[in-house]
Amino acid sequence: MKQLNRIKIVLVEKNKTAKWLSEQVGRNVTSVSRWCTNEIQPPLKTFVQIAEKLDVKLTSLFND
């Protein structure tokens, strides 16, 4: 399966965990884990929150 988002990669680059991200965006760890494996995608609004919390450009969360 093609990886649509880079959330997991950016978390590793920023030394953050899925648990940390789940607390930051107010979602459960299971949902965040599924985002990280590209099993499901978060809503665009959540992608914006993730980018803000990780201090990255929104586009860096997506593969070309």
N, C-alpha and C. Protein backbone atom coordinates (compact mmCIF):
# COMPACT_ATOMS: atom_id res chain seq x y z
N MET A 1 0.85 -1.20 0.00
CA MET A 1 0.00 0.00 0.00
C MET A 1 0.88 1.24 0.00
N LYS A 2 0.51 2.21 -0.80
CA LYS A 2 1.26 3.46 -0.88
C LYS A 2 1.06 4.26 0.41
N GLN A 3 2.15 4.77 0.93
CA GLN A 3 2.09 5.58 2.13
C GLN A 3 1.62 6.99 1.75
N LEU A 4 0.48 7.40 2.25
CA LEU A 4 -0.07 8.70 1.89
C LEU A 4 0.47 9.82 2.77
N ASN A 5 0.61 9.51 4.06
CA ASN A 5 1.13 10.56 4.95
C ASN A 5 2.46 10.15 5.56
N ARG A 6 3.16 11.13 6.08
CA ARG A 6 4.48 10.92 6.68
C ARG A 6 4.45 11.21 8.19
N ILE A 7 3.29 11.06 8.81
CA ILE A 7 3.17 11.40 10.23
C ILE A 7 4.18 10.63 11.06
N LYS A 8 4.26 9.32 10.83
CA LYS A 8 5.18 8.49 11.61
C LYS A 8 6.63 8.95 11.44
N ILE A 9 7.03 9.26 10.20
CA ILE A 9 8.40 9.70 9.91
C ILE A 9 8.70 11.02 10.61
N VAL A 10 7.76 11.95 10.53
CA VAL A 10 7.97 13.26 11.16
C VAL A 10 8.01 13.12 12.68
N LEU A 11 7.19 12.25 13.25
CA LEU A 11 7.25 12.01 14.70
C LEU A 11 8.64 11.53 15.10
N VAL A 12 9.19 10.60 14.33
CA VAL A 12 10.54 10.07 14.63
C VAL A 12 11.58 11.20 14.52
N GLU A 13 11.47 12.00 13.45
CA GLU A 13 12.41 13.10 13.25
C GLU A 13 12.37 14.10 14.41
N LYS A 14 11.18 14.27 14.99
CA LYS A 14 11.01 15.24 16.07
C LYS A 14 11.13 14.60 17.46
N ASN A 15 11.48 13.31 17.50
CA ASN A 15 11.60 12.58 18.77
C ASN A 15 10.32 12.63 19.60
N LYS A 16 9.20 12.46 18.91
CA LYS A 16 7.90 12.45 19.58
C LYS A 16 7.24 11.09 19.37
N THR A 17 6.29 10.77 20.25
CA THR A 17 5.60 9.48 20.16
C THR A 17 4.15 9.67 19.72
N ALA A 18 3.55 8.57 19.30
CA ALA A 18 2.13 8.60 18.95
C ALA A 18 1.30 8.98 20.17
N LYS A 19 1.72 8.54 21.34
CA LYS A 19 1.02 8.89 22.59
C LYS A 19 1.07 10.41 22.81
N TRP A 20 2.23 10.99 22.61
CA TRP A 20 2.37 12.45 22.75
C TRP A 20 1.43 13.17 21.78
N LEU A 21 1.43 12.72 20.52
CA LEU A 21 0.60 13.36 19.51
C LEU A 21 -0.88 13.21 19.85
N SER A 22 -1.27 12.06 20.33
CA SER A 22 -2.67 11.83 20.69
C SER A 22 -3.12 12.81 21.77
N GLU A 23 -2.24 13.07 22.73
CA GLU A 23 -2.55 14.04 23.78
C GLU A 23 -2.65 15.46 23.22
N GLN A 24 -1.78 15.79 22.27
CA GLN A 24 -1.75 17.13 21.69
C GLN A 24 -3.01 17.45 20.87
N VAL A 25 -3.51 16.46 20.14
CA VAL A 25 -4.66 16.70 19.26
C VAL A 25 -5.98 16.17 19.83
N GLY A 26 -5.92 15.61 21.04
CA GLY A 26 -7.14 15.16 21.70
C GLY A 26 -7.81 13.96 21.05
N ARG A 27 -7.00 13.06 20.53
CA ARG A 27 -7.53 11.82 19.93
C ARG A 27 -6.90 10.64 20.64
N ASN A 28 -7.54 9.46 20.54
CA ASN A 28 -6.96 8.31 21.25
C ASN A 28 -5.75 7.76 20.49
N VAL A 29 -4.92 7.06 21.25
CA VAL A 29 -3.66 6.54 20.71
C VAL A 29 -3.92 5.58 19.56
N THR A 30 -4.99 4.81 19.63
CA THR A 30 -5.31 3.86 18.57
C THR A 30 -5.52 4.57 17.23
N SER A 31 -6.26 5.68 17.25
CA SER A 31 -6.47 6.45 16.02
C SER A 31 -5.16 6.97 15.47
N VAL A 32 -4.33 7.52 16.35
CA VAL A 32 -3.04 8.07 15.92
C VAL A 32 -2.17 6.96 15.33
N SER A 33 -2.17 5.80 15.95
CA SER A 33 -1.39 4.67 15.44
C SER A 33 -1.86 4.28 14.04
N ARG A 34 -3.17 4.31 13.82
CA ARG A 34 -3.71 3.97 12.50
C ARG A 34 -3.34 5.03 11.47
N TRP A 35 -3.23 6.30 11.89
CA TRP A 35 -2.75 7.35 10.98
C TRP A 35 -1.30 7.06 10.61
N CYS A 36 -0.51 6.68 11.62
CA CYS A 36 0.92 6.45 11.41
C CYS A 36 1.18 5.30 10.46
N THR A 37 0.31 4.32 10.45
CA THR A 37 0.47 3.17 9.55
C THR A 37 -0.28 3.38 8.24
N ASN A 38 -0.90 4.55 8.07
CA ASN A 38 -1.68 4.89 6.88
C ASN A 38 -2.88 3.97 6.68
N GLU A 39 -3.34 3.35 7.77
CA GLU A 39 -4.54 2.52 7.71
C GLU A 39 -5.76 3.42 7.48
N ILE A 40 -5.75 4.57 8.15
CA ILE A 40 -6.78 5.59 7.95
C ILE A 40 -6.06 6.94 7.90
N GLN A 41 -6.77 7.96 7.42
CA GLN A 41 -6.21 9.31 7.36
C GLN A 41 -7.02 10.23 8.27
N PRO A 42 -6.33 11.10 9.00
CA PRO A 42 -7.08 12.07 9.81
C PRO A 42 -7.74 13.12 8.91
N PRO A 43 -8.75 13.81 9.43
CA PRO A 43 -9.34 14.91 8.66
C PRO A 43 -8.29 16.01 8.41
N LEU A 44 -8.51 16.79 7.36
CA LEU A 44 -7.57 17.85 7.01
C LEU A 44 -7.33 18.80 8.18
N LYS A 45 -8.38 19.13 8.90
CA LYS A 45 -8.27 20.01 10.07
C LYS A 45 -7.27 19.44 11.09
N THR A 46 -7.29 18.12 11.25
CA THR A 46 -6.37 17.47 12.18
C THR A 46 -4.95 17.49 11.64
N PHE A 47 -4.79 17.32 10.33
CA PHE A 47 -3.46 17.44 9.73
C PHE A 47 -2.86 18.82 10.05
N VAL A 48 -3.70 19.86 9.98
CA VAL A 48 -3.25 21.22 10.28
C VAL A 48 -2.79 21.30 11.74
N GLN A 49 -3.56 20.72 12.65
CA GLN A 49 -3.18 20.70 14.08
C GLN A 49 -1.86 19.96 14.27
N ILE A 50 -1.71 18.82 13.61
CA ILE A 50 -0.49 18.01 13.74
C ILE A 50 0.72 18.82 13.29
N ALA A 51 0.59 19.49 12.15
CA ALA A 51 1.69 20.31 11.63
C ALA A 51 2.06 21.40 12.63
N GLU A 52 1.05 22.04 13.23
CA GLU A 52 1.31 23.09 14.23
C GLU A 52 2.03 22.52 15.45
N LYS A 53 1.55 21.40 15.96
CA LYS A 53 2.14 20.79 17.17
C LYS A 53 3.57 20.32 16.93
N LEU A 54 3.84 19.84 15.71
CA LEU A 54 5.18 19.35 15.39
C LEU A 54 6.08 20.44 14.82
N ASP A 55 5.51 21.63 14.65
CA ASP A 55 6.25 22.78 14.12
C ASP A 55 6.88 22.46 12.77
N VAL A 56 6.05 21.95 11.86
CA VAL A 56 6.47 21.65 10.50
C VAL A 56 5.46 22.23 9.52
N LYS A 57 5.86 22.37 8.27
CA LYS A 57 4.93 22.78 7.22
C LYS A 57 3.93 21.66 6.99
N LEU A 58 2.70 22.03 6.71
CA LEU A 58 1.67 21.04 6.44
C LEU A 58 2.08 20.07 5.34
N THR A 59 2.72 20.61 4.31
CA THR A 59 3.12 19.76 3.17
C THR A 59 4.15 18.69 3.55
N SER A 60 4.88 18.91 4.64
CA SER A 60 5.88 17.90 5.04
C SER A 60 5.24 16.65 5.61
N LEU A 61 3.93 16.70 5.86
CA LEU A 61 3.23 15.53 6.39
C LEU A 61 2.73 14.60 5.28
N PHE A 62 2.96 15.00 4.03
CA PHE A 62 2.48 14.20 2.91
C PHE A 62 3.62 13.77 1.99
N ASN A 63 3.46 12.60 1.38
CA ASN A 63 4.40 12.16 0.36
C ASN A 63 4.06 12.85 -0.96
N ASP A 64 5.05 13.03 -1.79
CA ASP A 64 4.82 13.63 -3.11
C ASP A 64 4.05 12.67 -3.99
